[in-house]
């Protein structure tokens, strides 16, 4: 029986590159995407280039809890198990104002943290039926802001209208969401041990953005992003990290880890002064 990988956000960038790599390895690939028209084009390209006909497209909006629940229900109706679940989707819209999802949760946190948590929970039974199931959370090197153990996450402003005294910052919210995703990784790794499900996170160190992605930025931020983009590695580099963490025998017994782009495990500060304080 072929192995199945679900990747969220496969229209462009790292997610798209990862879908290509898994298809080349003869995995059955499920592209979990929001923008279906664009996604169908990518799906057809991957099938044509890799000659892997087992590349499927399913709709999901990772900011909508109802959409995630419907996706999980449909997935389990079509597939008996799930070997690898990669949470690649992330919301980060420079200059955006405070927004809520349909469930009254701040949009950045809903998409980047709560959505992955719910999908993990609702697909847990499918993952537990696989031989060596893996969940991978795409975090970011932006969590460096939280290496200071005195830094706290501001959870009190995640629900309802913005009530804090300081102005809303989607950049700050993104930072906090990615650190929360790392914390969720540690928590779920312990929780899912009884099912043999490994849960790890990758600290993404940037990847070259497509013109389509750059055009989503407001003009002020677009100019800065274009300059920064010149120094970013191609998305294939981080996509290879996705594949290695999820398939290499080297990581077969690794769970509850945050890894950098060199696939080194970040450790607690009391063990290594220059590393991540995760406590």
Protein backbone atom coordinates (compact mmCIF):
# COMPACT_ATOMS: atom_id res chain seq x y z
CA UNK A 1 0.00 0.00 0.00
CA UNK A 2 1.36 3.43 -0.95
CA UNK A 3 2.14 6.03 1.68
CA UNK A 4 -0.01 9.16 1.85
CA UNK A 5 1.09 12.70 2.63
CA UNK A 6 -1.23 15.67 3.21
CA UNK A 7 0.34 19.10 2.67
CA UNK A 8 -1.56 22.30 3.34
CA UNK A 9 -0.92 25.34 1.15
CA UNK A 10 0.56 23.89 -2.04
CA UNK A 11 -0.09 26.70 -4.54
CA UNK A 12 3.43 28.10 -4.41
CA UNK A 13 6.67 28.24 -2.47
CA UNK A 14 7.82 25.51 -0.12
CA UNK A 15 4.50 23.65 -0.13
CA UNK A 16 4.50 23.34 -3.89
CA UNK A 17 8.15 22.24 -3.97
CA UNK A 18 7.45 19.65 -1.26
CA UNK A 19 4.48 18.26 -3.19
CA UNK A 20 6.76 17.75 -6.20
CA UNK A 21 9.37 15.96 -4.08
CA UNK A 22 6.89 13.60 -2.43
CA UNK A 23 5.24 12.85 -5.80
CA UNK A 24 8.67 12.02 -7.24
CA UNK A 25 9.11 9.56 -4.36
CA UNK A 26 5.82 7.87 -5.38
CA UNK A 27 3.87 9.06 -2.36
CA UNK A 28 0.16 9.56 -2.73
CA UNK A 29 -0.06 13.33 -2.32
CA UNK A 30 -3.10 15.21 -1.04
CA UNK A 31 -2.93 18.92 -1.75
CA UNK A 32 -5.05 20.64 0.90
CA UNK A 33 -5.69 24.10 -0.55
CA UNK A 34 -8.04 27.06 -0.33
CA UNK A 35 -7.73 28.52 -3.84
CA UNK A 36 -8.95 25.65 -5.98
CA UNK A 37 -8.59 27.17 -9.45
CA UNK A 38 -4.90 27.92 -9.00
CA UNK A 39 -4.38 24.65 -7.16
CA UNK A 40 -5.76 22.61 -10.07
CA UNK A 41 -3.10 24.09 -12.33
CA UNK A 42 -0.38 23.11 -9.84
CA UNK A 43 -1.89 19.64 -9.46
CA UNK A 44 -1.83 19.09 -13.24
CA UNK A 45 1.77 20.33 -13.45
CA UNK A 46 2.94 17.95 -10.70
CA UNK A 47 1.19 14.97 -12.32
CA UNK A 48 2.65 15.80 -15.72
CA UNK A 49 6.22 16.37 -14.50
CA UNK A 50 6.42 13.46 -12.03
CA UNK A 51 4.16 11.02 -13.90
CA UNK A 52 2.50 10.28 -10.54
CA UNK A 53 -1.26 10.05 -11.07
CA UNK A 54 -1.92 9.81 -7.33
CA UNK A 55 -1.86 13.56 -6.70
CA UNK A 56 -5.20 14.65 -5.26
CA UNK A 57 -6.70 18.06 -4.58
CA UNK A 58 -9.02 18.75 -1.66
CA UNK A 59 -10.40 22.05 -0.47
CA UNK A 60 -9.69 23.45 2.99
CA UNK A 61 -9.52 26.91 4.49
CA UNK A 62 -7.17 26.65 7.47
CA UNK A 63 -8.72 29.74 9.05
CA UNK A 64 -12.19 28.14 9.11
CA UNK A 65 -12.84 25.48 11.71
CA UNK A 66 -15.95 24.34 9.83
CA UNK A 67 -13.90 23.94 6.63
CA UNK A 68 -11.21 21.94 8.45
CA UNK A 69 -13.82 19.64 9.98
CA UNK A 70 -15.38 19.07 6.55
CA UNK A 71 -11.97 18.36 5.03
CA UNK A 72 -11.15 15.78 7.72
CA UNK A 73 -14.52 14.10 7.27
CA UNK A 74 -14.05 13.92 3.50
CA UNK A 75 -10.47 12.70 3.86
CA UNK A 76 -11.43 9.80 6.12
CA UNK A 77 -14.22 8.85 3.74
CA UNK A 78 -11.70 8.56 0.89
CA UNK A 79 -8.57 7.26 2.64
CA UNK A 80 -8.05 4.66 5.34
CA UNK A 81 -4.89 6.11 6.86
CA UNK A 82 -2.48 9.05 6.82
CA UNK A 83 1.29 8.65 6.96
CA UNK A 84 2.48 12.27 6.93
CA UNK A 85 0.68 15.53 7.73
CA UNK A 86 2.57 18.75 6.93
CA UNK A 87 1.19 22.08 8.07
CA UNK A 88 2.70 24.46 5.54
CA UNK A 89 -0.08 27.07 5.32
CA UNK A 90 0.52 30.33 7.18
CA UNK A 91 -1.20 33.70 7.24
CA UNK A 92 1.09 36.73 7.23
CA UNK A 93 -0.27 39.78 5.42
CA UNK A 94 2.02 42.80 5.96
CA UNK A 95 0.07 45.92 6.83
CA UNK A 96 -3.20 44.07 7.42
CA UNK A 97 -5.64 45.31 10.02
CA UNK A 98 -7.07 43.20 12.83
CA UNK A 99 -9.42 40.54 11.44
CA UNK A 100 -11.48 37.73 12.95
CA UNK A 101 -12.35 34.39 11.43
CA UNK A 102 -15.93 33.08 11.42
CA UNK A 103 -15.34 31.63 14.90
CA UNK A 104 -14.42 35.03 16.39
CA UNK A 105 -10.69 34.19 16.66
CA UNK A 106 -7.96 36.54 15.41
CA UNK A 107 -7.20 35.46 11.84
CA UNK A 108 -3.42 34.97 12.15
CA UNK A 109 -3.67 32.78 15.23
CA UNK A 110 -6.71 30.91 13.88
CA UNK A 111 -4.86 30.01 10.66
CA UNK A 112 -1.40 29.34 12.05
CA UNK A 113 -2.16 27.60 15.35
CA UNK A 114 -5.77 26.66 16.04
CA UNK A 115 -6.36 25.33 12.53
CA UNK A 116 -3.40 22.93 12.61
CA UNK A 117 -4.36 21.79 16.11
CA UNK A 118 -7.90 20.93 15.03
CA UNK A 119 -6.75 19.12 11.90
CA UNK A 120 -4.27 17.10 13.97
CA UNK A 121 -6.99 16.11 16.40
CA UNK A 122 -9.57 15.25 13.75
CA UNK A 123 -7.06 13.18 11.72
CA UNK A 124 -5.44 11.55 14.72
CA UNK A 125 -7.23 8.24 14.15
CA UNK A 126 -6.15 8.14 10.49
CA UNK A 127 -2.56 8.89 11.49
CA UNK A 128 -2.59 6.18 14.16
CA UNK A 129 -3.39 3.58 11.49
CA UNK A 130 -0.16 4.31 9.60
CA UNK A 131 3.08 2.45 10.21
CA UNK A 132 5.29 5.41 11.17
CA UNK A 133 3.03 8.50 11.21
CA UNK A 134 4.52 11.99 11.31
CA UNK A 135 3.16 15.51 11.82
CA UNK A 136 5.38 18.43 10.81
CA UNK A 137 4.66 22.03 11.77
CA UNK A 138 6.30 24.76 9.67
CA UNK A 139 7.52 27.33 12.17
CA UNK A 140 9.93 30.19 11.47
CA UNK A 141 13.21 31.64 12.63
CA UNK A 142 11.07 34.60 13.69
CA UNK A 143 10.66 32.75 17.01
CA UNK A 144 14.12 34.10 17.90
CA UNK A 145 12.20 36.95 19.51
CA UNK A 146 11.11 34.46 22.16
CA UNK A 147 14.55 33.09 23.04
CA UNK A 148 14.38 35.44 26.02
CA UNK A 149 12.68 33.39 28.79
CA UNK A 150 11.06 36.60 30.10
CA UNK A 151 9.11 37.00 26.86
CA UNK A 152 5.44 36.07 27.13
CA UNK A 153 2.74 35.31 24.58
CA UNK A 154 -0.24 37.66 24.71
CA UNK A 155 -3.10 35.18 24.59
CA UNK A 156 -5.67 37.55 26.09
CA UNK A 157 -6.28 39.40 22.79
CA UNK A 158 -6.93 36.40 20.55
CA UNK A 159 -10.73 36.37 20.75
CA UNK A 160 -13.12 39.12 19.70
CA UNK A 161 -12.35 42.70 18.80
CA UNK A 162 -8.90 44.15 19.52
CA UNK A 163 -8.91 45.54 23.06
CA UNK A 164 -5.23 46.08 23.79
CA UNK A 165 -3.92 49.59 24.38
CA UNK A 166 -1.20 49.24 21.72
CA UNK A 167 -2.09 49.19 17.97
CA UNK A 168 -2.60 45.82 16.30
CA UNK A 169 0.50 44.49 14.50
CA UNK A 170 0.12 41.52 12.18
CA UNK A 171 3.92 41.11 12.35
CA UNK A 172 3.82 40.72 16.13
CA UNK A 173 0.81 38.43 15.86
CA UNK A 174 2.66 36.27 13.34
CA UNK A 175 5.68 36.07 15.66
CA UNK A 176 3.49 34.95 18.54
CA UNK A 177 1.58 32.45 16.41
CA UNK A 178 4.77 30.76 15.24
CA UNK A 179 6.08 30.47 18.81
CA UNK A 180 2.70 29.11 19.89
CA UNK A 181 3.00 26.51 17.12
CA UNK A 182 6.34 25.39 18.55
CA UNK A 183 4.76 25.09 22.01
CA UNK A 184 1.91 23.09 20.44
CA UNK A 185 4.52 20.78 18.90
CA UNK A 186 5.99 19.96 22.31
CA UNK A 187 2.53 19.41 23.80
CA UNK A 188 1.20 17.15 21.02
CA UNK A 189 4.42 15.13 20.85
CA UNK A 190 3.74 13.97 24.41
CA UNK A 191 0.01 13.56 23.89
CA UNK A 192 0.37 11.46 20.72
CA UNK A 193 3.16 9.18 21.95
CA UNK A 194 0.60 6.51 22.85
CA UNK A 195 -0.44 6.41 19.17
CA UNK A 196 3.13 6.29 17.86
CA UNK A 197 2.68 9.65 16.11
CA UNK A 198 5.82 11.78 15.89
CA UNK A 199 5.32 15.56 16.00
CA UNK A 200 8.13 17.95 15.09
CA UNK A 201 8.58 21.55 13.95
CA UNK A 202 10.93 23.11 11.41
CA UNK A 203 12.34 26.59 11.92
CA UNK A 204 12.12 27.97 8.38
CA UNK A 205 14.92 30.40 7.60
CA UNK A 206 13.23 32.09 4.66
CA UNK A 207 12.55 30.96 1.10
CA UNK A 208 12.42 32.83 -2.18
CA UNK A 209 8.90 34.17 -2.75
CA UNK A 210 7.02 34.01 -6.04
CA UNK A 211 5.89 37.22 -7.80
CA UNK A 212 2.34 36.27 -6.85
CA UNK A 213 3.26 36.18 -3.16
CA UNK A 214 5.18 39.45 -3.37
CA UNK A 215 2.17 41.17 -4.91
CA UNK A 216 0.13 40.39 -1.80
CA UNK A 217 2.27 42.82 0.19
CA UNK A 218 1.26 46.44 0.54
CA UNK A 219 3.50 48.74 -1.53
CA UNK A 220 5.68 49.79 1.40
CA UNK A 221 6.39 46.22 2.46
CA UNK A 222 6.60 44.90 -1.12
CA UNK A 223 9.74 46.92 -1.82
CA UNK A 224 11.42 45.60 1.32
CA UNK A 225 10.30 42.04 0.56
CA UNK A 226 11.70 42.19 -2.97
CA UNK A 227 15.09 43.28 -1.63
CA UNK A 228 15.03 40.58 1.04
CA UNK A 229 13.97 38.02 -1.55
CA UNK A 230 17.30 38.37 -3.34
CA UNK A 231 19.05 36.69 -0.40
CA UNK A 232 16.55 33.90 0.25
CA UNK A 233 17.32 30.33 -0.86
CA UNK A 234 14.97 28.61 -3.35
CA UNK A 235 11.94 26.90 -1.77
CA UNK A 236 13.31 23.51 -2.77
CA UNK A 237 15.89 23.76 0.02
CA UNK A 238 13.29 23.87 2.80
CA UNK A 239 11.09 21.38 0.92
CA UNK A 240 13.96 18.90 1.13
CA UNK A 241 13.99 19.50 4.90
CA UNK A 242 10.29 18.59 4.98
CA UNK A 243 11.02 15.33 3.20
CA UNK A 244 14.08 14.46 5.29
CA UNK A 245 12.41 15.08 8.65
CA UNK A 246 9.38 13.02 7.66
CA UNK A 247 11.08 10.11 5.85
CA UNK A 248 14.74 9.74 6.86
CA UNK A 249 15.68 6.88 9.20
CA UNK A 250 17.79 9.46 11.03
CA UNK A 251 14.61 10.98 12.51
CA UNK A 252 12.63 7.78 13.03
CA UNK A 253 12.73 8.12 16.81
CA UNK A 254 12.72 11.93 16.99
CA UNK A 255 9.61 13.65 18.32
CA UNK A 256 8.89 16.89 20.14
CA UNK A 257 11.80 18.66 18.43
CA UNK A 258 12.26 22.06 16.83
CA UNK A 259 14.85 21.79 14.06
CA UNK A 260 16.69 24.48 12.15
CA UNK A 261 17.38 24.58 8.41
CA UNK A 262 20.47 22.41 8.95
CA UNK A 263 18.23 19.78 10.59
CA UNK A 264 19.89 20.33 13.94
CA UNK A 265 17.64 20.01 16.96
CA UNK A 266 17.31 23.21 18.96
CA UNK A 267 17.80 22.48 22.66
CA UNK A 268 16.82 24.15 25.88
CA UNK A 269 18.95 27.05 27.05
CA UNK A 270 19.95 25.31 30.28
CA UNK A 271 21.57 22.62 28.10
CA UNK A 272 23.16 24.92 25.56
CA UNK A 273 23.50 28.67 26.22
CA UNK A 274 23.00 29.71 22.58
CA UNK A 275 19.90 27.62 21.93
CA UNK A 276 16.16 27.99 22.33
CA UNK A 277 14.63 28.54 25.74
CA UNK A 278 11.53 26.38 25.40
CA UNK A 279 10.56 26.19 29.03
